[in-house]
Amino acid sequence: MNDMLWRECVRFHGHACPGLALGYRAAEVGMEQLGIPLERATDEEIICVAENEACGVDAIQYLISCTIGKGNLILRPSGKMAFSFFDRDDGDSVRVVAKNFDRNGDREVLIQKILTDPYGNIFDIKRPRYDLPKKARLFDSVECESCGEYCREDKIRLQNGKKYCTDCFDQYDRG
């Protein structure tokens, strides 16, 4: 574990916590499994699919520069502490899933356990259940005929022949 990188992750996130430690270790283990140095992605050569919206995602963003804005961080919230990493250059992938271990007790002790125990005590290593995500696309913007705001064309909805953003669209649901 690199103490300086951990402190920088804590500074980026705002505090040290077990969730951030899990994200830190997941990034470290994922990159090790892919044979990639723990370094920041310049574009979409490394992709992370995070199955949660928890603290660990901040470590992923900081350590390997997978971000939503760049298109190489994809949120698939299943509620699992799991991260899938993809190497776009060679197509290799790995899924790092936190095990159900005792998370009670002193917070600092737990953080140190996550950061320093052998990764096999903390994570299961698997293959992602989905293919390498497509590269991020640029879309034209379309004006909503109700509010006048522009949104991506793939998010526009048609209702009674008019174009509506998801905020203005009157969702029809019989369930």
N, C-alpha and C. Protein backbone atom coordinates (compact mmCIF):
# COMPACT_ATOMS: atom_id res chain seq x y z
N MET A 1 0.84 -1.18 0.00
CA MET A 1 0.00 0.00 0.00
C MET A 1 0.88 1.25 0.00
N ASN A 2 0.49 2.23 -0.76
CA ASN A 2 1.22 3.48 -0.87
C ASN A 2 0.56 4.50 0.06
N ASP A 3 1.23 4.84 1.18
CA ASP A 3 0.66 5.75 2.18
C ASP A 3 0.32 7.13 1.59
N MET A 4 1.19 7.61 0.70
CA MET A 4 0.94 8.93 0.10
C MET A 4 -0.34 8.90 -0.74
N LEU A 5 -0.51 7.86 -1.56
CA LEU A 5 -1.72 7.76 -2.38
C LEU A 5 -2.97 7.62 -1.50
N TRP A 6 -2.87 6.86 -0.41
CA TRP A 6 -4.00 6.73 0.50
C TRP A 6 -4.38 8.10 1.08
N ARG A 7 -3.38 8.85 1.53
CA ARG A 7 -3.66 10.19 2.10
C ARG A 7 -4.29 11.11 1.05
N GLU A 8 -3.82 11.02 -0.20
CA GLU A 8 -4.40 11.83 -1.27
C GLU A 8 -5.86 11.43 -1.54
N CYS A 9 -6.14 10.13 -1.50
CA CYS A 9 -7.53 9.66 -1.66
C CYS A 9 -8.41 10.20 -0.54
N VAL A 10 -7.90 10.15 0.68
CA VAL A 10 -8.65 10.66 1.83
C VAL A 10 -8.92 12.15 1.65
N ARG A 11 -7.92 12.89 1.21
CA ARG A 11 -8.10 14.32 0.99
C ARG A 11 -9.14 14.57 -0.09
N PHE A 12 -9.09 13.81 -1.16
CA PHE A 12 -10.06 13.94 -2.25
C PHE A 12 -11.47 13.63 -1.77
N HIS A 13 -11.62 12.55 -1.00
CA HIS A 13 -12.93 12.10 -0.53
C HIS A 13 -13.45 12.96 0.63
N GLY A 14 -12.57 13.41 1.49
CA GLY A 14 -12.97 14.25 2.62
C GLY A 14 -12.75 13.60 3.97
N HIS A 15 -12.67 12.28 4.03
CA HIS A 15 -12.41 11.58 5.29
C HIS A 15 -12.00 10.14 5.00
N ALA A 16 -11.36 9.52 5.98
CA ALA A 16 -11.00 8.11 5.86
C ALA A 16 -12.17 7.28 6.36
N CYS A 17 -12.51 6.24 5.61
CA CYS A 17 -13.61 5.36 6.02
C CYS A 17 -13.40 3.99 5.39
N PRO A 18 -14.05 2.97 5.92
CA PRO A 18 -13.91 1.63 5.34
C PRO A 18 -14.32 1.56 3.87
N GLY A 19 -15.35 2.29 3.48
CA GLY A 19 -15.79 2.26 2.08
C GLY A 19 -14.72 2.80 1.15
N LEU A 20 -14.06 3.87 1.54
CA LEU A 20 -12.98 4.42 0.73
C LEU A 20 -11.83 3.42 0.65
N ALA A 21 -11.54 2.77 1.77
CA ALA A 21 -10.47 1.76 1.79
C ALA A 21 -10.80 0.61 0.85
N LEU A 22 -12.06 0.18 0.81
CA LEU A 22 -12.45 -0.88 -0.12
C LEU A 22 -12.25 -0.45 -1.57
N GLY A 23 -12.59 0.78 -1.90
CA GLY A 23 -12.37 1.28 -3.25
C GLY A 23 -10.89 1.38 -3.59
N TYR A 24 -10.09 1.83 -2.62
CA TYR A 24 -8.65 1.92 -2.81
C TYR A 24 -8.08 0.54 -3.14
N ARG A 25 -8.41 -0.44 -2.29
CA ARG A 25 -7.89 -1.79 -2.51
C ARG A 25 -8.43 -2.41 -3.78
N ALA A 26 -9.71 -2.17 -4.11
CA ALA A 26 -10.30 -2.71 -5.33
C ALA A 26 -9.54 -2.19 -6.55
N ALA A 27 -9.22 -0.90 -6.56
CA ALA A 27 -8.45 -0.34 -7.67
C ALA A 27 -7.06 -0.97 -7.74
N GLU A 28 -6.43 -1.08 -6.60
CA GLU A 28 -5.10 -1.66 -6.52
C GLU A 28 -5.11 -3.12 -7.03
N VAL A 29 -6.05 -3.91 -6.53
CA VAL A 29 -6.15 -5.32 -6.91
C VAL A 29 -6.56 -5.46 -8.38
N GLY A 30 -7.53 -4.67 -8.80
CA GLY A 30 -7.98 -4.73 -10.19
C GLY A 30 -6.87 -4.43 -11.18
N MET A 31 -6.11 -3.38 -10.91
CA MET A 31 -5.02 -3.03 -11.82
C MET A 31 -3.93 -4.10 -11.79
N GLU A 32 -3.66 -4.64 -10.60
CA GLU A 32 -2.66 -5.72 -10.48
C GLU A 32 -3.11 -6.94 -11.29
N GLN A 33 -4.38 -7.30 -11.20
CA GLN A 33 -4.89 -8.45 -11.94
C GLN A 33 -4.81 -8.25 -13.45
N LEU A 34 -4.95 -7.00 -13.88
CA LEU A 34 -4.86 -6.69 -15.32
C LEU A 34 -3.42 -6.45 -15.79
N GLY A 35 -2.50 -6.41 -14.82
CA GLY A 35 -1.11 -6.16 -15.18
C GLY A 35 -0.84 -4.72 -15.59
N ILE A 36 -1.63 -3.80 -15.02
CA ILE A 36 -1.51 -2.37 -15.34
C ILE A 36 -1.01 -1.64 -14.10
N PRO A 37 -0.03 -0.77 -14.22
CA PRO A 37 0.41 0.00 -13.06
C PRO A 37 -0.75 0.87 -12.52
N LEU A 38 -0.74 1.08 -11.22
CA LEU A 38 -1.75 1.94 -10.59
C LEU A 38 -1.47 3.38 -11.01
N GLU A 39 -2.07 3.79 -12.12
CA GLU A 39 -1.84 5.14 -12.64
C GLU A 39 -3.13 5.68 -13.23
N ARG A 40 -3.15 6.94 -13.45
CA ARG A 40 -4.36 7.62 -13.92
C ARG A 40 -4.55 7.44 -15.42
N ALA A 41 -5.75 7.04 -15.81
CA ALA A 41 -6.09 6.88 -17.22
C ALA A 41 -6.19 8.25 -17.88
N THR A 42 -5.63 8.39 -19.06
CA THR A 42 -5.71 9.68 -19.76
C THR A 42 -7.02 9.81 -20.53
N ASP A 43 -7.57 8.68 -20.96
CA ASP A 43 -8.83 8.73 -21.71
C ASP A 43 -9.69 7.54 -21.29
N GLU A 44 -10.03 6.67 -22.22
CA GLU A 44 -10.88 5.52 -21.92
C GLU A 44 -10.14 4.20 -22.03
N GLU A 45 -8.81 4.21 -21.85
CA GLU A 45 -8.08 2.95 -21.97
C GLU A 45 -8.36 2.00 -20.80
N ILE A 46 -8.73 2.57 -19.65
CA ILE A 46 -9.16 1.78 -18.50
C ILE A 46 -10.60 2.18 -18.21
N ILE A 47 -11.45 1.18 -18.02
CA ILE A 47 -12.86 1.43 -17.72
C ILE A 47 -13.18 0.74 -16.40
N CYS A 48 -13.97 1.41 -15.57
CA CYS A 48 -14.46 0.79 -14.34
C CYS A 48 -15.98 0.83 -14.36
N VAL A 49 -16.58 -0.32 -14.09
CA VAL A 49 -18.02 -0.39 -13.89
C VAL A 49 -18.21 -0.62 -12.39
N ALA A 50 -18.76 0.39 -11.71
CA ALA A 50 -18.99 0.32 -10.27
C ALA A 50 -20.43 -0.11 -10.02
N GLU A 51 -20.60 -1.10 -9.19
CA GLU A 51 -21.94 -1.61 -8.91
C GLU A 51 -22.55 -0.95 -7.67
N ASN A 52 -22.00 0.18 -7.27
CA ASN A 52 -22.50 0.91 -6.11
C ASN A 52 -22.19 2.38 -6.29
N GLU A 53 -22.80 3.17 -5.46
CA GLU A 53 -22.57 4.62 -5.49
C GLU A 53 -22.00 5.06 -4.15
N ALA A 54 -21.11 4.24 -3.59
CA ALA A 54 -20.60 4.46 -2.24
C ALA A 54 -19.22 5.12 -2.27
N CYS A 55 -18.66 5.28 -1.10
CA CYS A 55 -17.40 5.99 -0.91
C CYS A 55 -16.26 5.45 -1.77
N GLY A 56 -16.24 4.14 -1.98
CA GLY A 56 -15.15 3.54 -2.74
C GLY A 56 -15.02 4.07 -4.15
N VAL A 57 -16.11 4.56 -4.71
CA VAL A 57 -16.06 5.11 -6.07
C VAL A 57 -15.13 6.31 -6.13
N ASP A 58 -15.05 7.08 -5.06
CA ASP A 58 -14.14 8.23 -5.04
C ASP A 58 -12.68 7.78 -5.15
N ALA A 59 -12.34 6.66 -4.53
CA ALA A 59 -10.97 6.15 -4.65
C ALA A 59 -10.68 5.73 -6.09
N ILE A 60 -11.66 5.11 -6.73
CA ILE A 60 -11.49 4.71 -8.13
C ILE A 60 -11.25 5.95 -8.99
N GLN A 61 -12.05 6.99 -8.76
CA GLN A 61 -11.90 8.22 -9.54
C GLN A 61 -10.51 8.83 -9.32
N TYR A 62 -10.08 8.89 -8.07
CA TYR A 62 -8.81 9.53 -7.79
C TYR A 62 -7.62 8.71 -8.30
N LEU A 63 -7.61 7.42 -7.99
CA LEU A 63 -6.43 6.60 -8.27
C LEU A 63 -6.21 6.32 -9.76
N ILE A 64 -7.28 5.99 -10.48
CA ILE A 64 -7.08 5.60 -11.88
C ILE A 64 -7.81 6.52 -12.86
N SER A 65 -8.37 7.60 -12.33
CA SER A 65 -8.98 8.62 -13.16
C SER A 65 -10.11 8.10 -14.04
N CYS A 66 -10.86 7.15 -13.50
CA CYS A 66 -12.09 6.75 -14.16
C CYS A 66 -13.17 7.70 -13.66
N THR A 67 -13.77 8.45 -14.57
CA THR A 67 -14.77 9.44 -14.17
C THR A 67 -15.99 9.35 -15.09
N ILE A 68 -17.11 9.78 -14.56
CA ILE A 68 -18.34 9.78 -15.34
C ILE A 68 -18.21 10.73 -16.52
N GLY A 69 -17.62 11.89 -16.29
CA GLY A 69 -17.49 12.88 -17.35
C GLY A 69 -16.63 12.42 -18.51
N LYS A 70 -15.61 11.64 -18.21
CA LYS A 70 -14.73 11.13 -19.26
C LYS A 70 -15.34 9.91 -19.95
N GLY A 71 -16.32 9.31 -19.30
CA GLY A 71 -17.01 8.16 -19.90
C GLY A 71 -16.38 6.82 -19.58
N ASN A 72 -15.38 6.80 -18.68
CA ASN A 72 -14.77 5.51 -18.36
C ASN A 72 -15.10 5.04 -16.94
N LEU A 73 -16.08 5.70 -16.30
CA LEU A 73 -16.67 5.22 -15.06
C LEU A 73 -18.16 5.05 -15.33
N ILE A 74 -18.63 3.83 -15.19
CA ILE A 74 -20.04 3.54 -15.45
C ILE A 74 -20.65 3.03 -14.16
N LEU A 75 -21.74 3.64 -13.75
CA LEU A 75 -22.45 3.20 -12.55
C LEU A 75 -23.55 2.23 -12.94
N ARG A 76 -23.51 1.06 -12.36
CA ARG A 76 -24.56 0.03 -12.50
C ARG A 76 -24.96 -0.35 -11.09
N PRO A 77 -25.72 0.49 -10.43
CA PRO A 77 -25.97 0.27 -9.00
C PRO A 77 -26.81 -0.98 -8.70
N SER A 78 -26.11 -2.03 -8.26
CA SER A 78 -26.76 -3.28 -7.85
C SER A 78 -26.79 -3.38 -6.34
N GLY A 79 -26.11 -2.44 -5.68
CA GLY A 79 -26.00 -2.49 -4.23
C GLY A 79 -24.86 -3.38 -3.76
N LYS A 80 -24.06 -3.87 -4.68
CA LYS A 80 -22.93 -4.74 -4.33
C LYS A 80 -21.65 -3.91 -4.29
N MET A 81 -20.77 -4.25 -3.37
CA MET A 81 -19.46 -3.60 -3.32
C MET A 81 -18.58 -4.36 -4.31
N ALA A 82 -18.80 -4.06 -5.59
CA ALA A 82 -18.10 -4.75 -6.67
C ALA A 82 -17.70 -3.75 -7.74
N PHE A 83 -16.54 -3.99 -8.30
CA PHE A 83 -15.99 -3.13 -9.34
C PHE A 83 -15.43 -4.02 -10.45
N SER A 84 -15.83 -3.77 -11.68
CA SER A 84 -15.26 -4.46 -12.83
C SER A 84 -14.34 -3.50 -13.56
N PHE A 85 -13.15 -3.99 -13.87
CA PHE A 85 -12.16 -3.18 -14.56
C PHE A 85 -11.89 -3.81 -15.92
N PHE A 86 -11.78 -2.95 -16.93
CA PHE A 86 -11.54 -3.39 -18.30
C PHE A 86 -10.33 -2.65 -18.85
N ASP A 87 -9.50 -3.38 -19.56
CA ASP A 87 -8.37 -2.80 -20.28
C ASP A 87 -8.75 -2.78 -21.75
N ARG A 88 -9.08 -1.60 -22.25
CA ARG A 88 -9.54 -1.49 -23.63
C ARG A 88 -8.44 -1.88 -24.62
N ASP A 89 -7.18 -1.72 -24.26
CA ASP A 89 -6.09 -2.03 -25.18
C ASP A 89 -6.01 -3.51 -25.53
N ASP A 90 -6.21 -4.39 -24.54
CA ASP A 90 -6.11 -5.83 -24.83
C ASP A 90 -7.41 -6.60 -24.56
N GLY A 91 -8.44 -5.91 -24.09
CA GLY A 91 -9.73 -6.54 -23.87
C GLY A 91 -9.84 -7.36 -22.59
N ASP A 92 -8.80 -7.37 -21.79
CA ASP A 92 -8.82 -8.13 -20.55
C ASP A 92 -9.74 -7.45 -19.53
N SER A 93 -10.28 -8.24 -18.61
CA SER A 93 -11.18 -7.67 -17.60
C SER A 93 -11.12 -8.49 -16.32
N VAL A 94 -11.54 -7.86 -15.23
CA VAL A 94 -11.60 -8.52 -13.94
C VAL A 94 -12.69 -7.85 -13.11
N ARG A 95 -13.36 -8.65 -12.28
CA ARG A 95 -14.39 -8.14 -11.38
C ARG A 95 -13.90 -8.39 -9.96
N VAL A 96 -13.83 -7.34 -9.17
CA VAL A 96 -13.35 -7.41 -7.79
C VAL A 96 -14.56 -7.20 -6.88
N VAL A 97 -14.89 -8.23 -6.08
CA VAL A 97 -16.10 -8.22 -5.27
C VAL A 97 -15.72 -8.36 -3.80
N ALA A 98 -16.18 -7.42 -2.97
CA ALA A 98 -15.87 -7.48 -1.54
C ALA A 98 -16.58 -8.68 -0.90
N LYS A 99 -15.83 -9.39 -0.08
CA LYS A 99 -16.38 -10.51 0.67
C LYS A 99 -17.18 -9.98 1.85
N ASN A 100 -18.00 -10.83 2.41
CA ASN A 100 -18.77 -10.48 3.60
C ASN A 100 -17.94 -10.84 4.82
N PHE A 101 -17.12 -9.90 5.28
CA PHE A 101 -16.28 -10.13 6.45
C PHE A 101 -16.80 -9.26 7.60
N ASP A 102 -16.32 -9.52 8.80
CA ASP A 102 -16.78 -8.79 9.98
C ASP A 102 -16.37 -7.33 9.87
N ARG A 103 -17.35 -6.46 9.82
CA ARG A 103 -17.09 -5.03 9.69
C ARG A 103 -17.40 -4.27 10.97
N ASN A 104 -17.55 -5.00 12.05
CA ASN A 104 -17.80 -4.38 13.36
C ASN A 104 -16.48 -4.08 14.04
N GLY A 105 -16.55 -3.30 15.07
CA GLY A 105 -15.34 -2.98 15.82
C GLY A 105 -14.82 -1.60 15.50
N ASP A 106 -13.59 -1.37 15.88
CA ASP A 106 -12.95 -0.07 15.71
C ASP A 106 -12.78 0.27 14.23
N ARG A 107 -13.22 1.46 13.88
CA ARG A 107 -13.19 1.92 12.48
C ARG A 107 -11.78 1.95 11.91
N GLU A 108 -10.83 2.49 12.67
CA GLU A 108 -9.45 2.58 12.18
C GLU A 108 -8.82 1.21 11.99
N VAL A 109 -9.13 0.28 12.89
CA VAL A 109 -8.62 -1.08 12.76
C VAL A 109 -9.18 -1.72 11.49
N LEU A 110 -10.46 -1.50 11.23
CA LEU A 110 -11.09 -2.05 10.03
C LEU A 110 -10.46 -1.47 8.76
N ILE A 111 -10.23 -0.16 8.76
CA ILE A 111 -9.59 0.48 7.61
C ILE A 111 -8.22 -0.15 7.35
N GLN A 112 -7.43 -0.32 8.41
CA GLN A 112 -6.10 -0.91 8.25
C GLN A 112 -6.17 -2.36 7.78
N LYS A 113 -7.17 -3.10 8.28
CA LYS A 113 -7.37 -4.48 7.83
C LYS A 113 -7.62 -4.51 6.33
N ILE A 114 -8.53 -3.65 5.86
CA ILE A 114 -8.87 -3.60 4.42
C ILE A 114 -7.65 -3.23 3.59
N LEU A 115 -6.87 -2.28 4.09
CA LEU A 115 -5.72 -1.79 3.32
C LEU A 115 -4.52 -2.72 3.33
N THR A 116 -4.41 -3.60 4.36
CA THR A 116 -3.17 -4.36 4.50
C THR A 116 -3.32 -5.88 4.47
N ASP A 117 -4.50 -6.42 4.75
CA ASP A 117 -4.67 -7.88 4.71
C ASP A 117 -4.45 -8.38 3.29
N PRO A 118 -4.08 -9.65 3.15
CA PRO A 118 -4.01 -10.22 1.80
C PRO A 118 -5.35 -10.02 1.09
N TYR A 119 -5.30 -9.65 -0.17
CA TYR A 119 -6.55 -9.29 -0.85
C TYR A 119 -7.55 -10.43 -0.89
N GLY A 120 -7.09 -11.67 -0.82
CA GLY A 120 -7.98 -12.82 -0.81
C GLY A 120 -8.86 -12.88 0.42
N ASN A 121 -8.46 -12.19 1.49
CA ASN A 121 -9.30 -12.11 2.70
C ASN A 121 -10.40 -11.07 2.53
N ILE A 122 -10.22 -10.16 1.61
CA ILE A 122 -11.13 -9.02 1.45
C ILE A 122 -12.01 -9.17 0.21
N PHE A 123 -11.46 -9.71 -0.87
CA PHE A 123 -12.16 -9.74 -2.15
C PHE A 123 -12.18 -11.14 -2.77
N ASP A 124 -13.21 -11.36 -3.57
CA ASP A 124 -13.24 -12.47 -4.52
C ASP A 124 -12.91 -11.88 -5.88
N ILE A 125 -12.14 -12.61 -6.66
CA ILE A 125 -11.76 -12.18 -8.00
C ILE A 125 -12.57 -13.02 -8.98
N LYS A 126 -13.31 -12.35 -9.85
CA LYS A 126 -14.19 -13.03 -10.81
C LYS A 126 -14.03 -12.38 -12.19
N ARG A 127 -14.81 -12.85 -13.12
CA ARG A 127 -14.91 -12.25 -14.46
C ARG A 127 -16.21 -11.45 -14.51
N PRO A 128 -16.19 -10.29 -15.15
CA PRO A 128 -17.45 -9.55 -15.32
C PRO A 128 -18.47 -10.38 -16.10
N ARG A 129 -19.74 -10.13 -15.82
CA ARG A 129 -20.81 -10.85 -16.50
C ARG A 129 -21.28 -10.12 -17.76
N TYR A 130 -20.56 -9.14 -18.18
CA TYR A 130 -20.93 -8.35 -19.35
C TYR A 130 -19.67 -8.01 -20.12
N ASP A 131 -19.87 -7.61 -21.36
CA ASP A 131 -18.76 -7.31 -22.25
C ASP A 131 -18.17 -5.93 -21.97
N LEU A 132 -17.04 -5.71 -22.58
CA LEU A 132 -16.38 -4.41 -22.53
C LEU A 132 -17.37 -3.33 -22.97
N PRO A 133 -17.60 -2.31 -22.14
CA PRO A 133 -18.53 -1.25 -22.54
C PRO A 133 -18.04 -0.51 -23.79
N LYS A 134 -19.00 -0.07 -24.58
CA LYS A 134 -18.68 0.72 -25.76
C LYS A 134 -18.04 2.04 -25.34
N LYS A 135 -17.31 2.64 -26.25
CA LYS A 135 -16.74 3.96 -25.98
C LYS A 135 -17.86 4.98 -25.84
N ALA A 136 -17.58 6.03 -25.07
CA ALA A 136 -18.55 7.10 -24.89
C ALA A 136 -18.85 7.75 -26.24
N ARG A 137 -20.12 8.13 -26.43
CA ARG A 137 -20.55 8.76 -27.69
C ARG A 137 -20.96 10.21 -27.43
N LEU A 138 -20.87 10.99 -28.47
CA LEU A 138 -21.42 12.35 -28.43
C LEU A 138 -22.77 12.32 -29.13
N PHE A 139 -23.74 13.01 -28.57
CA PHE A 139 -25.09 13.05 -29.12
C PHE A 139 -25.47 14.49 -29.45
N ASP A 140 -26.34 14.66 -30.43
CA ASP A 140 -26.91 15.97 -30.70
C ASP A 140 -27.84 16.34 -29.56
N SER A 141 -28.06 17.62 -29.38
CA SER A 141 -29.00 18.11 -28.38
C SER A 141 -30.33 18.44 -29.05
N VAL A 142 -31.40 18.16 -28.33
CA VAL A 142 -32.75 18.40 -28.84
C VAL A 142 -33.48 19.27 -27.81
N GLU A 143 -34.22 20.26 -28.32
CA GLU A 143 -34.96 21.16 -27.43
C GLU A 143 -36.26 20.51 -26.97
N CYS A 144 -36.50 20.55 -25.67
CA CYS A 144 -37.76 20.06 -25.12
C CYS A 144 -38.84 21.07 -25.48
N GLU A 145 -39.96 20.57 -26.01
CA GLU A 145 -41.04 21.46 -26.44
C GLU A 145 -41.88 21.97 -25.28
N SER A 146 -41.56 21.58 -24.07
CA SER A 146 -42.28 22.10 -22.90
C SER A 146 -41.46 23.14 -22.16
N CYS A 147 -40.26 22.76 -21.70
CA CYS A 147 -39.46 23.69 -20.88
C CYS A 147 -38.46 24.49 -21.70
N GLY A 148 -38.18 24.08 -22.93
CA GLY A 148 -37.25 24.81 -23.78
C GLY A 148 -35.79 24.49 -23.52
N GLU A 149 -35.51 23.58 -22.58
CA GLU A 149 -34.14 23.20 -22.31
C GLU A 149 -33.70 22.11 -23.29
N TYR A 150 -32.39 22.02 -23.50
CA TYR A 150 -31.84 21.05 -24.42
C TYR A 150 -31.34 19.83 -23.66
N CYS A 151 -31.55 18.67 -24.27
CA CYS A 151 -31.03 17.44 -23.69
C CYS A 151 -30.52 16.55 -24.82
N ARG A 152 -29.76 15.51 -24.42
CA ARG A 152 -29.23 14.57 -25.41
C ARG A 152 -30.37 13.92 -26.17
N GLU A 153 -30.17 13.75 -27.47
CA GLU A 153 -31.22 13.18 -28.31
C GLU A 153 -31.65 11.79 -27.89
N ASP A 154 -30.75 11.00 -27.28
CA ASP A 154 -31.14 9.65 -26.88
C ASP A 154 -31.97 9.64 -25.60
N LYS A 155 -32.12 10.81 -24.97
CA LYS A 155 -32.93 10.90 -23.75
C LYS A 155 -34.29 11.56 -24.00
N ILE A 156 -34.48 12.05 -25.20
CA ILE A 156 -35.75 12.74 -25.52
C ILE A 156 -36.87 11.70 -25.62
N ARG A 157 -38.06 12.09 -25.21
CA ARG A 157 -39.23 11.20 -25.27
C ARG A 157 -40.28 11.84 -26.16
N LEU A 158 -41.01 11.04 -26.88
CA LEU A 158 -42.10 11.53 -27.72
C LEU A 158 -43.43 11.29 -27.02
N GLN A 159 -44.27 12.33 -27.05
CA GLN A 159 -45.62 12.20 -26.48
C GLN A 159 -46.55 13.10 -27.30
N ASN A 160 -47.56 12.50 -27.87
CA ASN A 160 -48.52 13.23 -28.71
C ASN A 160 -47.79 14.00 -29.81
N GLY A 161 -46.75 13.37 -30.36
CA GLY A 161 -46.01 13.97 -31.47
C GLY A 161 -45.05 15.07 -31.07
N LYS A 162 -44.90 15.35 -29.78
CA LYS A 162 -43.97 16.40 -29.32
C LYS A 162 -42.79 15.78 -28.59
N LYS A 163 -41.68 16.52 -28.60
CA LYS A 163 -40.44 16.06 -27.97
C LYS A 163 -40.34 16.64 -26.56
N TYR A 164 -40.15 15.74 -25.59
CA TYR A 164 -40.07 16.15 -24.19
C TYR A 164 -38.82 15.56 -23.53
N CYS A 165 -38.24 16.35 -22.64
CA CYS A 165 -37.17 15.83 -21.79
C CYS A 165 -37.81 14.93 -20.74
N THR A 166 -36.99 14.16 -20.02
CA THR A 166 -37.55 13.23 -19.04
C THR A 166 -38.25 13.95 -17.89
N ASP A 167 -37.87 15.19 -17.60
CA ASP A 167 -38.54 15.93 -16.53
C ASP A 167 -39.95 16.34 -16.93
N CYS A 168 -40.14 16.66 -18.19
CA CYS A 168 -41.46 17.15 -18.65
C CYS A 168 -42.35 16.02 -19.18
N PHE A 169 -41.79 14.90 -19.50
CA PHE A 169 -42.56 13.79 -20.06
C PHE A 169 -43.51 13.25 -19.00
N ASP A 170 -44.76 13.05 -19.39
CA ASP A 170 -45.79 12.51 -18.50
C ASP A 170 -45.74 10.98 -18.61
N GLN A 171 -45.03 10.37 -17.69
CA GLN A 171 -44.83 8.92 -17.72
C GLN A 171 -46.15 8.19 -17.56
N TYR A 172 -46.41 7.24 -18.42
CA TYR A 172 -47.62 6.42 -18.36
C TYR A 172 -47.27 5.10 -17.70
N ASP A 173 -47.90 4.81 -16.60
CA ASP A 173 -47.60 3.59 -15.88
C ASP A 173 -48.89 3.01 -15.30
N ARG A 174 -49.19 1.80 -15.64
CA ARG A 174 -50.41 1.17 -15.17
C ARG A 174 -50.13 0.20 -14.02
N GLY A 175 -48.85 0.11 -13.61
CA GLY A 175 -48.48 -0.89 -12.62
C GLY A 175 -48.50 -0.46 -11.24
